[in-house]
Amino acid sequence: MKVVWKTHYLTTTTGLTAAFGVDVTNDADRTIDLKLVGFLGDPTYVVPAVDDEANITDTVLTTDQQDVNSNGSNTKKVVTTGASYVIATTNHLQVVGTIADAQGTDWGQTVTLSPNGIATIHLTTGANSDETFQQLYGLDELPSLGDLGITDGTDRDSNFTVSLMGPITLPASWQGKVQVAYTTT
């Protein structure tokens, strides 16, 4: 798909926005690359240097190698950039975590422990899809003073440090199918 904006000038104080809807079929590729090309005209432009091979999100000064403007020439100066989007599927894995004290009573979302107390955490998984998962990666980090969130890097406000007391145990049906790894970094 090609979208063309007919504008003669774009300055640092103006911008262009666009939105369009698409229907995605079940067999569609789950990654969509959106590439933007800006024609520069005659002035000299400078863009940040790229040390290695450019990623889709890098801004690159190049020429119209694919004749995007359909003028029969591939020598016009352009700036390119883009983004990759991953389409979420309707197949989801639900993970429910519960925690209990060392006696295993009163499983819930929270537990009250005394200093040096022991708790057990259960993670229960369930798919809300008829499809079989081929690969599944789970990642968790135990709380520690000053730690940050794994996915967003925000402060978790942990006021204590937790230690792993023993190996992670898996259901019998998972034995030989799952690899568990630990790290202290």
N, C-alpha and C. Protein backbone atom coordinates (compact mmCIF):
# COMPACT_ATOMS: atom_id res chain seq x y z
N MET A 1 0.85 -1.16 0.00
CA MET A 1 0.00 0.00 0.00
C MET A 1 0.90 1.23 0.00
N LYS A 2 0.54 2.22 -0.75
CA LYS A 2 1.29 3.46 -0.84
C LYS A 2 0.34 4.62 -0.58
N VAL A 3 0.73 5.50 0.35
CA VAL A 3 -0.05 6.70 0.66
C VAL A 3 0.81 7.90 0.30
N VAL A 4 0.24 8.86 -0.43
CA VAL A 4 0.99 10.04 -0.85
C VAL A 4 0.33 11.28 -0.26
N TRP A 5 1.14 12.10 0.45
CA TRP A 5 0.67 13.39 0.94
C TRP A 5 1.10 14.45 -0.05
N LYS A 6 0.18 15.25 -0.50
CA LYS A 6 0.50 16.33 -1.43
C LYS A 6 0.70 17.61 -0.62
N THR A 7 1.91 17.85 -0.20
CA THR A 7 2.25 19.09 0.50
C THR A 7 3.59 19.56 -0.04
N HIS A 8 3.75 20.86 -0.14
CA HIS A 8 4.99 21.39 -0.70
C HIS A 8 6.04 21.68 0.36
N TYR A 9 5.60 22.01 1.59
CA TYR A 9 6.56 22.36 2.63
C TYR A 9 6.16 21.72 3.94
N LEU A 10 7.16 21.29 4.68
CA LEU A 10 6.97 20.77 6.02
C LEU A 10 8.09 21.36 6.86
N THR A 11 7.73 22.14 7.87
CA THR A 11 8.75 22.80 8.70
C THR A 11 8.83 22.12 10.06
N THR A 12 9.77 22.59 10.88
CA THR A 12 9.94 22.01 12.21
C THR A 12 8.77 22.31 13.13
N THR A 13 7.93 23.29 12.79
CA THR A 13 6.79 23.63 13.64
C THR A 13 5.48 23.07 13.11
N THR A 14 5.52 22.36 11.99
CA THR A 14 4.32 21.73 11.45
C THR A 14 4.53 20.23 11.39
N GLY A 15 3.49 19.52 11.12
CA GLY A 15 3.62 18.07 11.02
C GLY A 15 2.48 17.49 10.22
N LEU A 16 2.59 16.22 9.93
CA LEU A 16 1.54 15.50 9.23
C LEU A 16 1.10 14.33 10.09
N THR A 17 -0.18 14.08 10.12
CA THR A 17 -0.68 12.89 10.81
C THR A 17 -1.63 12.17 9.88
N ALA A 18 -1.73 10.88 10.07
CA ALA A 18 -2.64 10.08 9.25
C ALA A 18 -3.10 8.88 10.05
N ALA A 19 -4.26 8.40 9.72
CA ALA A 19 -4.78 7.17 10.32
C ALA A 19 -5.55 6.43 9.25
N PHE A 20 -5.43 5.13 9.25
CA PHE A 20 -6.20 4.32 8.31
C PHE A 20 -6.47 2.97 8.94
N GLY A 21 -7.61 2.41 8.62
CA GLY A 21 -7.99 1.12 9.16
C GLY A 21 -7.68 0.01 8.17
N VAL A 22 -7.36 -1.15 8.70
CA VAL A 22 -7.09 -2.31 7.85
C VAL A 22 -7.79 -3.52 8.44
N ASP A 23 -8.17 -4.44 7.59
CA ASP A 23 -8.68 -5.73 8.03
C ASP A 23 -7.54 -6.73 7.92
N VAL A 24 -7.30 -7.47 8.99
CA VAL A 24 -6.20 -8.42 9.02
C VAL A 24 -6.78 -9.83 9.08
N THR A 25 -6.42 -10.65 8.11
CA THR A 25 -6.91 -12.03 8.08
C THR A 25 -6.09 -12.89 9.02
N ASN A 26 -6.60 -14.06 9.37
CA ASN A 26 -5.90 -14.96 10.30
C ASN A 26 -4.56 -15.43 9.76
N ASP A 27 -4.41 -15.52 8.43
CA ASP A 27 -3.15 -16.00 7.87
C ASP A 27 -2.19 -14.87 7.49
N ALA A 28 -2.50 -13.63 7.91
CA ALA A 28 -1.64 -12.49 7.60
C ALA A 28 -0.34 -12.56 8.38
N ASP A 29 0.72 -11.99 7.80
CA ASP A 29 1.99 -11.87 8.49
C ASP A 29 1.77 -11.04 9.75
N ARG A 30 2.34 -11.43 10.86
CA ARG A 30 2.10 -10.75 12.14
C ARG A 30 2.98 -9.53 12.35
N THR A 31 3.97 -9.30 11.48
CA THR A 31 4.81 -8.12 11.58
C THR A 31 4.60 -7.26 10.34
N ILE A 32 4.27 -6.00 10.55
CA ILE A 32 4.06 -5.07 9.45
C ILE A 32 5.10 -3.96 9.56
N ASP A 33 5.83 -3.72 8.49
CA ASP A 33 6.80 -2.64 8.45
C ASP A 33 6.17 -1.44 7.76
N LEU A 34 6.17 -0.30 8.44
CA LEU A 34 5.68 0.95 7.87
C LEU A 34 6.90 1.80 7.56
N LYS A 35 7.10 2.11 6.28
CA LYS A 35 8.27 2.87 5.87
C LYS A 35 7.83 4.25 5.40
N LEU A 36 8.55 5.27 5.84
CA LEU A 36 8.25 6.64 5.47
C LEU A 36 9.39 7.18 4.63
N VAL A 37 9.03 7.88 3.54
CA VAL A 37 10.02 8.46 2.64
C VAL A 37 9.68 9.93 2.47
N GLY A 38 10.65 10.80 2.70
CA GLY A 38 10.45 12.24 2.50
C GLY A 38 11.39 12.74 1.43
N PHE A 39 10.84 13.41 0.42
CA PHE A 39 11.66 13.97 -0.66
C PHE A 39 12.19 15.32 -0.23
N LEU A 40 13.48 15.58 -0.47
CA LEU A 40 14.15 16.74 0.09
C LEU A 40 14.25 17.93 -0.85
N GLY A 41 14.16 17.72 -2.12
CA GLY A 41 14.38 18.83 -3.04
C GLY A 41 15.86 19.11 -3.18
N ASP A 42 16.23 20.37 -3.35
CA ASP A 42 17.62 20.72 -3.62
C ASP A 42 18.49 21.04 -2.41
N PRO A 43 17.96 21.54 -1.28
CA PRO A 43 18.83 21.92 -0.16
C PRO A 43 19.63 20.73 0.38
N THR A 44 20.73 21.05 1.06
CA THR A 44 21.55 20.04 1.70
C THR A 44 20.98 19.75 3.09
N TYR A 45 20.77 18.48 3.41
CA TYR A 45 20.23 18.07 4.70
C TYR A 45 21.24 17.20 5.41
N VAL A 46 21.19 17.22 6.74
CA VAL A 46 22.06 16.39 7.56
C VAL A 46 21.16 15.56 8.47
N VAL A 47 21.45 14.26 8.56
CA VAL A 47 20.72 13.38 9.46
C VAL A 47 21.74 12.70 10.36
N PRO A 48 21.32 12.18 11.52
CA PRO A 48 22.27 11.50 12.41
C PRO A 48 22.95 10.33 11.69
N ALA A 49 24.24 10.15 11.98
CA ALA A 49 25.00 9.06 11.37
C ALA A 49 24.57 7.72 11.96
N VAL A 50 24.60 6.68 11.13
CA VAL A 50 24.32 5.31 11.55
C VAL A 50 25.63 4.54 11.44
N ASP A 51 26.11 3.99 12.58
CA ASP A 51 27.42 3.32 12.59
C ASP A 51 27.42 2.01 11.82
N ASP A 52 26.43 1.17 12.07
CA ASP A 52 26.37 -0.14 11.42
C ASP A 52 25.25 -0.12 10.38
N GLU A 53 24.75 -1.30 10.06
CA GLU A 53 23.63 -1.39 9.13
C GLU A 53 22.40 -0.73 9.76
N ALA A 54 21.69 0.08 8.98
CA ALA A 54 20.56 0.85 9.49
C ALA A 54 19.39 -0.06 9.87
N ASN A 55 18.75 0.26 10.99
CA ASN A 55 17.50 -0.39 11.39
C ASN A 55 16.35 0.37 10.76
N ILE A 56 15.16 -0.21 10.75
CA ILE A 56 14.01 0.44 10.12
C ILE A 56 13.68 1.76 10.80
N THR A 57 13.97 1.91 12.10
CA THR A 57 13.63 3.14 12.82
C THR A 57 14.68 4.23 12.68
N ASP A 58 15.84 3.92 12.10
CA ASP A 58 16.87 4.95 11.90
C ASP A 58 16.44 5.90 10.78
N THR A 59 16.82 7.17 10.92
CA THR A 59 16.60 8.14 9.86
C THR A 59 17.84 8.12 8.97
N VAL A 60 17.63 7.86 7.68
CA VAL A 60 18.74 7.67 6.76
C VAL A 60 18.58 8.61 5.57
N LEU A 61 19.67 9.27 5.18
CA LEU A 61 19.71 10.10 3.98
C LEU A 61 20.17 9.22 2.84
N THR A 62 19.36 9.12 1.79
CA THR A 62 19.67 8.22 0.68
C THR A 62 19.05 8.78 -0.60
N THR A 63 18.90 7.95 -1.60
CA THR A 63 18.23 8.35 -2.84
C THR A 63 17.00 7.48 -3.06
N ASP A 64 16.12 7.91 -3.92
CA ASP A 64 14.86 7.22 -4.22
C ASP A 64 15.14 5.98 -5.07
N GLN A 65 15.78 4.98 -4.46
CA GLN A 65 16.24 3.79 -5.17
C GLN A 65 15.11 2.96 -5.77
N GLN A 66 13.90 3.03 -5.19
CA GLN A 66 12.77 2.25 -5.70
C GLN A 66 11.80 3.10 -6.51
N ASP A 67 12.20 4.32 -6.86
CA ASP A 67 11.37 5.25 -7.64
C ASP A 67 9.97 5.38 -7.02
N VAL A 68 9.95 5.69 -5.72
CA VAL A 68 8.69 5.81 -4.98
C VAL A 68 7.79 6.87 -5.59
N ASN A 69 8.35 7.97 -6.09
CA ASN A 69 7.53 9.03 -6.66
C ASN A 69 7.16 8.79 -8.12
N SER A 70 7.54 7.64 -8.66
CA SER A 70 7.17 7.21 -10.02
C SER A 70 7.52 8.24 -11.09
N ASN A 71 8.69 8.89 -10.95
CA ASN A 71 9.08 9.86 -11.97
C ASN A 71 10.11 9.29 -12.94
N GLY A 72 10.40 7.98 -12.84
CA GLY A 72 11.34 7.34 -13.75
C GLY A 72 12.80 7.54 -13.37
N SER A 73 13.06 8.14 -12.21
CA SER A 73 14.43 8.39 -11.77
C SER A 73 14.62 7.84 -10.36
N ASN A 74 15.83 7.37 -10.08
CA ASN A 74 16.12 6.89 -8.73
C ASN A 74 17.28 7.68 -8.11
N THR A 75 17.44 8.94 -8.52
CA THR A 75 18.55 9.75 -8.03
C THR A 75 18.10 10.88 -7.10
N LYS A 76 16.81 11.07 -6.91
CA LYS A 76 16.29 12.15 -6.06
C LYS A 76 16.67 11.87 -4.60
N LYS A 77 17.13 12.90 -3.85
CA LYS A 77 17.49 12.74 -2.44
C LYS A 77 16.23 12.56 -1.59
N VAL A 78 16.30 11.59 -0.67
CA VAL A 78 15.18 11.32 0.24
C VAL A 78 15.72 11.03 1.64
N VAL A 79 14.85 11.22 2.62
CA VAL A 79 15.10 10.78 3.99
C VAL A 79 14.12 9.65 4.25
N THR A 80 14.62 8.52 4.78
CA THR A 80 13.75 7.39 5.07
C THR A 80 13.80 7.07 6.56
N THR A 81 12.71 6.57 7.07
CA THR A 81 12.61 6.06 8.43
C THR A 81 11.41 5.13 8.46
N GLY A 82 11.11 4.55 9.59
CA GLY A 82 9.96 3.66 9.64
C GLY A 82 9.76 3.07 11.02
N ALA A 83 8.87 2.10 11.07
CA ALA A 83 8.56 1.41 12.32
C ALA A 83 8.04 0.02 11.99
N SER A 84 8.28 -0.93 12.88
CA SER A 84 7.72 -2.27 12.75
C SER A 84 6.61 -2.43 13.77
N TYR A 85 5.49 -2.95 13.34
CA TYR A 85 4.35 -3.19 14.22
C TYR A 85 4.06 -4.68 14.26
N VAL A 86 3.80 -5.19 15.44
CA VAL A 86 3.44 -6.60 15.61
C VAL A 86 1.96 -6.66 15.91
N ILE A 87 1.24 -7.43 15.12
CA ILE A 87 -0.20 -7.56 15.30
C ILE A 87 -0.46 -8.61 16.37
N ALA A 88 -1.21 -8.24 17.37
CA ALA A 88 -1.54 -9.18 18.44
C ALA A 88 -2.55 -10.18 17.91
N THR A 89 -2.36 -11.43 18.26
CA THR A 89 -3.30 -12.46 17.85
C THR A 89 -4.36 -12.64 18.93
N THR A 90 -5.36 -13.39 18.62
CA THR A 90 -6.41 -13.64 19.61
C THR A 90 -6.05 -14.80 20.52
N ASN A 91 -4.89 -15.41 20.32
CA ASN A 91 -4.45 -16.51 21.18
C ASN A 91 -3.69 -15.93 22.36
N HIS A 92 -4.19 -16.14 23.53
CA HIS A 92 -3.55 -15.59 24.71
C HIS A 92 -3.34 -16.68 25.74
N LEU A 93 -2.33 -16.49 26.53
CA LEU A 93 -2.06 -17.37 27.64
C LEU A 93 -2.38 -16.59 28.91
N GLN A 94 -3.19 -17.16 29.75
CA GLN A 94 -3.52 -16.52 31.01
C GLN A 94 -2.62 -17.11 32.09
N VAL A 95 -2.01 -16.24 32.89
CA VAL A 95 -1.18 -16.68 34.00
C VAL A 95 -1.75 -16.06 35.26
N VAL A 96 -2.07 -16.90 36.23
CA VAL A 96 -2.60 -16.44 37.51
C VAL A 96 -1.61 -16.84 38.59
N GLY A 97 -1.15 -15.85 39.35
CA GLY A 97 -0.22 -16.12 40.43
C GLY A 97 -0.92 -16.05 41.77
N THR A 98 -0.65 -17.02 42.63
CA THR A 98 -1.16 -17.00 44.00
C THR A 98 0.00 -17.27 44.93
N ILE A 99 -0.14 -16.83 46.17
CA ILE A 99 0.93 -16.95 47.15
C ILE A 99 0.34 -17.39 48.49
N ALA A 100 1.11 -18.16 49.25
CA ALA A 100 0.68 -18.61 50.58
C ALA A 100 1.89 -18.67 51.50
N ASP A 101 1.63 -18.73 52.80
CA ASP A 101 2.72 -18.87 53.76
C ASP A 101 3.29 -20.29 53.70
N ALA A 102 4.29 -20.56 54.52
CA ALA A 102 4.99 -21.85 54.48
C ALA A 102 4.07 -23.04 54.72
N GLN A 103 2.97 -22.84 55.44
CA GLN A 103 2.04 -23.94 55.71
C GLN A 103 1.12 -24.21 54.52
N GLY A 104 1.10 -23.31 53.54
CA GLY A 104 0.28 -23.51 52.34
C GLY A 104 -1.20 -23.30 52.57
N THR A 105 -1.54 -22.49 53.57
CA THR A 105 -2.95 -22.20 53.82
C THR A 105 -3.28 -20.83 53.26
N ASP A 106 -4.53 -20.61 52.95
CA ASP A 106 -5.01 -19.30 52.49
C ASP A 106 -4.27 -18.78 51.26
N TRP A 107 -4.36 -19.51 50.16
CA TRP A 107 -3.76 -19.05 48.90
C TRP A 107 -4.50 -17.81 48.42
N GLY A 108 -3.76 -16.77 48.02
CA GLY A 108 -4.38 -15.54 47.54
C GLY A 108 -3.39 -14.68 46.78
N GLN A 109 -3.75 -13.41 46.60
CA GLN A 109 -2.90 -12.48 45.86
C GLN A 109 -1.81 -11.86 46.74
N THR A 110 -2.01 -11.86 48.06
CA THR A 110 -1.02 -11.31 48.99
C THR A 110 -0.88 -12.25 50.18
N VAL A 111 0.23 -12.09 50.89
CA VAL A 111 0.46 -12.86 52.10
C VAL A 111 1.25 -11.98 53.07
N THR A 112 0.98 -12.12 54.36
CA THR A 112 1.73 -11.39 55.37
C THR A 112 2.73 -12.34 56.01
N LEU A 113 4.00 -11.91 56.01
CA LEU A 113 5.07 -12.74 56.56
C LEU A 113 5.86 -11.94 57.58
N SER A 114 6.42 -12.64 58.54
CA SER A 114 7.35 -12.00 59.47
C SER A 114 8.73 -11.99 58.80
N PRO A 115 9.67 -11.17 59.31
CA PRO A 115 11.02 -11.18 58.73
C PRO A 115 11.57 -12.61 58.70
N ASN A 116 12.24 -12.95 57.62
CA ASN A 116 12.79 -14.28 57.35
C ASN A 116 11.71 -15.34 57.17
N GLY A 117 10.46 -14.91 56.94
CA GLY A 117 9.37 -15.85 56.68
C GLY A 117 9.52 -16.48 55.31
N ILE A 118 8.81 -17.57 55.10
CA ILE A 118 8.88 -18.30 53.83
C ILE A 118 7.49 -18.32 53.20
N ALA A 119 7.45 -18.07 51.90
CA ALA A 119 6.19 -18.12 51.15
C ALA A 119 6.40 -19.00 49.93
N THR A 120 5.30 -19.52 49.42
CA THR A 120 5.31 -20.32 48.19
C THR A 120 4.44 -19.62 47.17
N ILE A 121 4.94 -19.54 45.94
CA ILE A 121 4.20 -18.90 44.86
C ILE A 121 3.81 -19.98 43.86
N HIS A 122 2.55 -19.99 43.45
CA HIS A 122 2.07 -20.89 42.40
C HIS A 122 1.69 -20.05 41.19
N LEU A 123 2.14 -20.46 40.02
CA LEU A 123 1.71 -19.85 38.77
C LEU A 123 0.89 -20.88 38.02
N THR A 124 -0.34 -20.54 37.70
CA THR A 124 -1.22 -21.43 36.97
C THR A 124 -1.43 -20.85 35.58
N THR A 125 -1.19 -21.65 34.55
CA THR A 125 -1.36 -21.16 33.18
C THR A 125 -2.57 -21.81 32.55
N GLY A 126 -3.17 -21.09 31.64
CA GLY A 126 -4.30 -21.62 30.88
C GLY A 126 -4.46 -20.82 29.60
N ALA A 127 -4.65 -21.50 28.51
CA ALA A 127 -4.82 -20.83 27.22
C ALA A 127 -6.30 -20.59 26.96
N ASN A 128 -6.64 -19.42 26.42
CA ASN A 128 -8.02 -19.19 26.01
C ASN A 128 -8.11 -19.31 24.49
N SER A 129 -7.52 -20.39 23.99
CA SER A 129 -7.47 -20.66 22.56
C SER A 129 -7.44 -22.16 22.35
N ASP A 130 -7.89 -22.60 21.19
CA ASP A 130 -7.80 -24.02 20.85
C ASP A 130 -6.45 -24.38 20.25
N GLU A 131 -5.63 -23.36 19.95
CA GLU A 131 -4.34 -23.61 19.31
C GLU A 131 -3.31 -24.05 20.34
N THR A 132 -2.32 -24.82 19.88
CA THR A 132 -1.25 -25.31 20.74
C THR A 132 -0.10 -24.31 20.71
N PHE A 133 0.42 -23.97 21.88
CA PHE A 133 1.58 -23.09 21.95
C PHE A 133 2.83 -23.91 21.63
N GLN A 134 3.64 -23.40 20.70
CA GLN A 134 4.86 -24.10 20.31
C GLN A 134 6.04 -23.68 21.18
N GLN A 135 6.06 -22.41 21.60
CA GLN A 135 7.13 -21.90 22.45
C GLN A 135 6.53 -20.97 23.48
N LEU A 136 7.08 -21.01 24.68
CA LEU A 136 6.62 -20.14 25.75
C LEU A 136 7.82 -19.78 26.60
N TYR A 137 8.01 -18.50 26.81
CA TYR A 137 9.10 -18.02 27.65
C TYR A 137 8.49 -17.31 28.84
N GLY A 138 8.94 -17.65 30.03
CA GLY A 138 8.50 -16.97 31.24
C GLY A 138 9.70 -16.31 31.88
N LEU A 139 9.53 -15.10 32.36
CA LEU A 139 10.62 -14.36 32.97
C LEU A 139 10.08 -13.65 34.19
N ASP A 140 10.76 -13.78 35.30
CA ASP A 140 10.35 -13.08 36.50
C ASP A 140 11.60 -12.66 37.26
N GLU A 141 11.46 -11.64 38.05
CA GLU A 141 12.56 -11.14 38.86
C GLU A 141 12.06 -10.99 40.29
N LEU A 142 12.78 -11.57 41.23
CA LEU A 142 12.40 -11.45 42.63
C LEU A 142 12.65 -10.02 43.10
N PRO A 143 11.82 -9.51 44.01
CA PRO A 143 12.01 -8.14 44.50
C PRO A 143 13.36 -7.96 45.20
N SER A 144 13.93 -6.76 45.04
CA SER A 144 15.15 -6.38 45.76
C SER A 144 15.14 -4.87 45.92
N LEU A 145 15.87 -4.37 46.89
CA LEU A 145 15.90 -2.93 47.15
C LEU A 145 16.34 -2.17 45.91
N GLY A 146 15.57 -1.16 45.51
CA GLY A 146 15.93 -0.31 44.38
C GLY A 146 15.75 -0.94 43.02
N ASP A 147 15.01 -2.05 42.92
CA ASP A 147 14.87 -2.73 41.62
C ASP A 147 13.92 -1.98 40.69
N LEU A 148 14.02 -2.33 39.41
CA LEU A 148 13.20 -1.71 38.37
C LEU A 148 12.35 -2.78 37.70
N GLY A 149 11.21 -2.37 37.13
CA GLY A 149 10.35 -3.29 36.39
C GLY A 149 11.06 -3.88 35.19
N ILE A 150 10.81 -5.15 34.90
CA ILE A 150 11.47 -5.86 33.81
C ILE A 150 11.10 -5.26 32.46
N THR A 151 9.81 -4.99 32.24
CA THR A 151 9.37 -4.58 30.91
C THR A 151 9.36 -3.08 30.71
N ASP A 152 9.20 -2.29 31.79
CA ASP A 152 9.09 -0.85 31.58
C ASP A 152 10.17 -0.02 32.28
N GLY A 153 11.04 -0.65 33.07
CA GLY A 153 12.15 0.06 33.70
C GLY A 153 11.75 1.04 34.78
N THR A 154 10.50 0.97 35.26
CA THR A 154 10.07 1.90 36.31
C THR A 154 10.40 1.33 37.68
N ASP A 155 10.52 2.21 38.66
CA ASP A 155 10.82 1.82 40.03
C ASP A 155 9.71 0.94 40.59
N ARG A 156 10.06 -0.24 41.13
CA ARG A 156 9.06 -1.15 41.69
C ARG A 156 8.76 -0.85 43.16
N ASP A 157 9.48 0.09 43.75
CA ASP A 157 9.28 0.47 45.15
C ASP A 157 9.43 -0.71 46.11
N SER A 158 10.32 -1.64 45.81
CA SER A 158 10.55 -2.78 46.70
C SER A 158 11.30 -2.30 47.94
N ASN A 159 10.78 -2.66 49.10
CA ASN A 159 11.39 -2.27 50.37
C ASN A 159 12.09 -3.44 51.05
N PHE A 160 12.30 -4.52 50.32
CA PHE A 160 12.90 -5.72 50.89
C PHE A 160 13.54 -6.52 49.77
N THR A 161 14.35 -7.50 50.16
CA THR A 161 14.99 -8.39 49.20
C THR A 161 14.49 -9.81 49.46
N VAL A 162 14.21 -10.54 48.40
CA VAL A 162 13.69 -11.91 48.49
C VAL A 162 14.75 -12.86 47.96
N SER A 163 14.84 -14.05 48.56
CA SER A 163 15.78 -15.07 48.11
C SER A 163 15.00 -16.30 47.66
N LEU A 164 15.51 -16.98 46.66
CA LEU A 164 14.93 -18.24 46.20
C LEU A 164 15.44 -19.35 47.12
N MET A 165 14.53 -20.07 47.77
CA MET A 165 14.90 -21.07 48.78
C MET A 165 15.20 -22.45 48.18
N GLY A 166 14.78 -22.69 46.97
CA GLY A 166 15.00 -24.01 46.38
C GLY A 166 14.65 -23.96 44.91
N PRO A 167 14.77 -25.08 44.23
CA PRO A 167 14.51 -25.10 42.79
C PRO A 167 13.02 -24.89 42.48
N ILE A 168 12.77 -24.41 41.29
CA ILE A 168 11.40 -24.29 40.80
C ILE A 168 10.92 -25.70 40.46
N THR A 169 9.75 -26.06 40.94
CA THR A 169 9.20 -27.38 40.64
C THR A 169 8.11 -27.25 39.58
N LEU A 170 8.12 -28.17 38.66
CA LEU A 170 7.18 -28.16 37.55
C LEU A 170 6.22 -29.33 37.67
N PRO A 171 5.03 -29.20 37.07
CA PRO A 171 4.11 -30.34 37.05
C PRO A 171 4.76 -31.53 36.34
N ALA A 172 4.36 -32.72 36.71
CA ALA A 172 4.93 -33.94 36.11
C ALA A 172 4.79 -33.94 34.59
N SER A 173 3.68 -33.40 34.07
CA SER A 173 3.46 -33.41 32.62
C SER A 173 4.42 -32.48 31.88
N TRP A 174 5.12 -31.60 32.59
CA TRP A 174 6.07 -30.68 31.97
C TRP A 174 7.50 -31.22 32.02
N GLN A 175 7.75 -32.28 32.76
CA GLN A 175 9.10 -32.81 32.91
C GLN A 175 9.65 -33.21 31.54
N GLY A 176 10.90 -32.80 31.27
CA GLY A 176 11.55 -33.12 30.00
C GLY A 176 11.13 -32.22 28.85
N LYS A 177 10.17 -31.33 29.07
CA LYS A 177 9.69 -30.43 28.01
C LYS A 177 10.08 -28.98 28.26
N VAL A 178 10.48 -28.68 29.49
CA VAL A 178 10.71 -27.30 29.90
C VAL A 178 12.11 -27.16 30.46
N GLN A 179 12.77 -26.08 30.11
CA GLN A 179 14.08 -25.79 30.66
C GLN A 179 13.93 -24.61 31.62
N VAL A 180 14.44 -24.74 32.83
CA VAL A 180 14.41 -23.68 33.83
C VAL A 180 15.83 -23.18 34.02
N ALA A 181 16.02 -21.88 33.96
CA ALA A 181 17.35 -21.29 34.15
C ALA A 181 17.26 -20.19 35.19
N TYR A 182 18.34 -19.99 35.93
CA TYR A 182 18.41 -18.97 36.97
C TYR A 182 19.62 -18.09 36.70
N THR A 183 19.54 -16.85 37.14
CA THR A 183 20.69 -15.96 37.09
C THR A 183 20.65 -15.06 38.30
N THR A 184 21.80 -14.57 38.71
CA THR A 184 21.87 -13.64 39.85
C THR A 184 22.20 -12.23 39.38
N THR A 185 22.15 -12.00 38.08
CA THR A 185 22.44 -10.65 37.57
C THR A 185 21.20 -9.99 37.05
